[in-house]
N, C-alpha and C. Protein backbone atom coordinates (compact mmCIF):
# COMPACT_ATOMS: atom_id res chain seq x y z
N MET A 1 -7.56 -209.29 35.31
CA MET A 1 -8.31 -210.49 35.67
C MET A 1 -8.75 -211.24 34.42
N ASN A 2 -9.28 -210.51 33.47
CA ASN A 2 -9.80 -211.12 32.26
C ASN A 2 -8.70 -211.81 31.46
N ARG A 3 -7.56 -211.15 31.33
CA ARG A 3 -6.45 -211.70 30.57
C ARG A 3 -5.92 -212.96 31.27
N ARG A 4 -5.82 -212.89 32.59
CA ARG A 4 -5.32 -214.02 33.38
C ARG A 4 -6.25 -215.23 33.21
N LYS A 5 -7.55 -214.97 33.23
CA LYS A 5 -8.55 -216.03 33.08
C LYS A 5 -8.40 -216.70 31.71
N LYS A 6 -8.22 -215.89 30.67
CA LYS A 6 -8.10 -216.40 29.30
C LYS A 6 -6.85 -217.29 29.16
N VAL A 7 -5.73 -216.84 29.71
CA VAL A 7 -4.49 -217.62 29.64
C VAL A 7 -4.66 -218.93 30.39
N LYS A 8 -5.28 -218.86 31.56
CA LYS A 8 -5.52 -220.05 32.37
C LYS A 8 -6.40 -221.05 31.61
N GLN A 9 -7.43 -220.51 30.94
CA GLN A 9 -8.34 -221.34 30.15
C GLN A 9 -7.59 -222.06 29.03
N ILE A 10 -6.74 -221.33 28.33
CA ILE A 10 -5.98 -221.90 27.21
C ILE A 10 -5.05 -223.00 27.70
N LEU A 11 -4.34 -222.74 28.80
CA LEU A 11 -3.41 -223.74 29.33
C LEU A 11 -4.16 -224.99 29.82
N LYS A 12 -5.31 -224.79 30.43
CA LYS A 12 -6.11 -225.91 30.92
C LYS A 12 -6.59 -226.78 29.76
N LYS A 13 -7.04 -226.12 28.68
CA LYS A 13 -7.51 -226.82 27.49
C LYS A 13 -6.39 -227.64 26.85
N LYS A 14 -5.19 -227.03 26.78
CA LYS A 14 -4.03 -227.70 26.19
C LYS A 14 -3.63 -228.93 27.02
N ALA A 15 -3.66 -228.79 28.35
CA ALA A 15 -3.32 -229.89 29.24
C ALA A 15 -4.33 -231.02 29.12
N LYS A 16 -5.60 -230.67 28.99
CA LYS A 16 -6.65 -231.67 28.87
C LYS A 16 -6.49 -232.47 27.57
N LYS A 17 -6.18 -231.77 26.47
CA LYS A 17 -5.97 -232.45 25.19
C LYS A 17 -4.77 -233.40 25.26
N ALA A 18 -3.70 -232.96 25.89
CA ALA A 18 -2.50 -233.80 26.02
C ALA A 18 -2.82 -235.04 26.85
N ASN A 19 -3.58 -234.86 27.91
CA ASN A 19 -3.96 -235.97 28.77
C ASN A 19 -4.85 -236.97 28.03
N ASP A 20 -5.76 -236.46 27.20
CA ASP A 20 -6.64 -237.33 26.42
C ASP A 20 -5.85 -238.15 25.40
N LYS A 21 -4.79 -237.58 24.85
CA LYS A 21 -3.97 -238.31 23.88
C LYS A 21 -3.22 -239.45 24.56
N LEU A 22 -2.80 -239.23 25.79
CA LEU A 22 -2.05 -240.25 26.52
C LEU A 22 -2.95 -241.41 26.96
N ASN A 23 -4.23 -241.12 27.21
CA ASN A 23 -5.17 -242.14 27.67
C ASN A 23 -6.31 -242.29 26.67
N PRO A 24 -6.06 -242.99 25.56
CA PRO A 24 -7.11 -243.13 24.55
C PRO A 24 -8.28 -243.98 25.07
N LYS A 25 -9.43 -243.71 24.57
CA LYS A 25 -10.63 -244.44 24.96
C LYS A 25 -10.63 -245.81 24.28
N ASN A 26 -11.11 -246.82 24.99
CA ASN A 26 -11.20 -248.16 24.42
C ASN A 26 -12.63 -248.49 24.07
N LYS A 27 -13.36 -247.47 23.69
CA LYS A 27 -14.76 -247.63 23.34
C LYS A 27 -14.86 -248.15 21.91
N PRO A 28 -15.73 -249.12 21.65
CA PRO A 28 -15.86 -249.64 20.28
C PRO A 28 -16.44 -248.59 19.34
N ARG A 29 -16.11 -248.72 18.08
CA ARG A 29 -16.57 -247.79 17.06
C ARG A 29 -18.08 -247.92 16.90
N TYR A 30 -18.80 -246.81 16.70
CA TYR A 30 -20.24 -246.83 16.53
C TYR A 30 -20.61 -247.46 15.19
N VAL A 31 -21.58 -248.38 15.23
CA VAL A 31 -22.06 -249.02 14.02
C VAL A 31 -23.55 -248.68 13.89
N SER A 32 -23.91 -248.06 12.79
CA SER A 32 -25.29 -247.61 12.60
C SER A 32 -26.24 -248.80 12.49
N LYS A 33 -27.51 -248.49 12.69
CA LYS A 33 -28.55 -249.53 12.65
C LYS A 33 -28.58 -250.20 11.27
N ALA A 34 -28.45 -249.41 10.21
CA ALA A 34 -28.46 -249.95 8.85
C ALA A 34 -27.26 -250.87 8.62
N GLU A 35 -26.11 -250.45 9.14
CA GLU A 35 -24.89 -251.26 8.99
C GLU A 35 -25.02 -252.58 9.75
N ARG A 36 -25.61 -252.52 10.95
CA ARG A 36 -25.82 -253.76 11.73
C ARG A 36 -26.74 -254.72 11.00
N ALA A 37 -27.80 -254.18 10.39
CA ALA A 37 -28.75 -255.01 9.64
C ALA A 37 -28.05 -255.65 8.45
N LYS A 38 -27.21 -254.88 7.79
CA LYS A 38 -26.47 -255.39 6.63
C LYS A 38 -25.53 -256.52 7.04
N LEU A 39 -24.79 -256.34 8.14
CA LEU A 39 -23.88 -257.37 8.63
C LEU A 39 -24.63 -258.63 9.05
N GLU A 40 -25.77 -258.42 9.68
CA GLU A 40 -26.59 -259.55 10.11
C GLU A 40 -27.08 -260.35 8.91
N GLN A 41 -27.47 -259.65 7.87
CA GLN A 41 -27.94 -260.29 6.65
C GLN A 41 -26.81 -261.09 5.98
N GLU A 42 -25.63 -260.52 5.95
CA GLU A 42 -24.48 -261.21 5.36
C GLU A 42 -24.14 -262.48 6.13
N GLN A 43 -24.23 -262.41 7.45
CA GLN A 43 -23.95 -263.59 8.28
C GLN A 43 -25.00 -264.67 8.05
N ALA A 44 -26.24 -264.25 7.87
CA ALA A 44 -27.31 -265.21 7.60
C ALA A 44 -27.08 -265.92 6.28
N GLN A 45 -26.63 -265.18 5.28
CA GLN A 45 -26.35 -265.78 3.97
C GLN A 45 -25.18 -266.77 4.07
N GLU A 46 -24.18 -266.44 4.86
CA GLU A 46 -23.02 -267.34 5.02
C GLU A 46 -23.43 -268.64 5.68
N THR A 47 -24.29 -268.55 6.68
CA THR A 47 -24.71 -269.76 7.37
C THR A 47 -25.59 -270.64 6.48
N GLU A 48 -26.36 -270.01 5.58
CA GLU A 48 -27.18 -270.77 4.64
C GLU A 48 -26.33 -271.51 3.62
N GLN A 49 -25.20 -270.92 3.23
CA GLN A 49 -24.34 -271.55 2.24
C GLN A 49 -23.62 -272.76 2.80
N LEU A 50 -23.38 -272.79 4.11
CA LEU A 50 -22.67 -273.91 4.73
C LEU A 50 -23.60 -275.02 4.98
């Protein structure tokens, strides 16, 4: 029973990984709070120059 469970677990994990590769997430990349502040500051400077 134990060996069968382990093999089943391994195969399930492998199938899940393969499925995840076929269907990539379209979630945007995480941008930290400090990075957002920096980008906002750069945009403010650009608008002042124009």
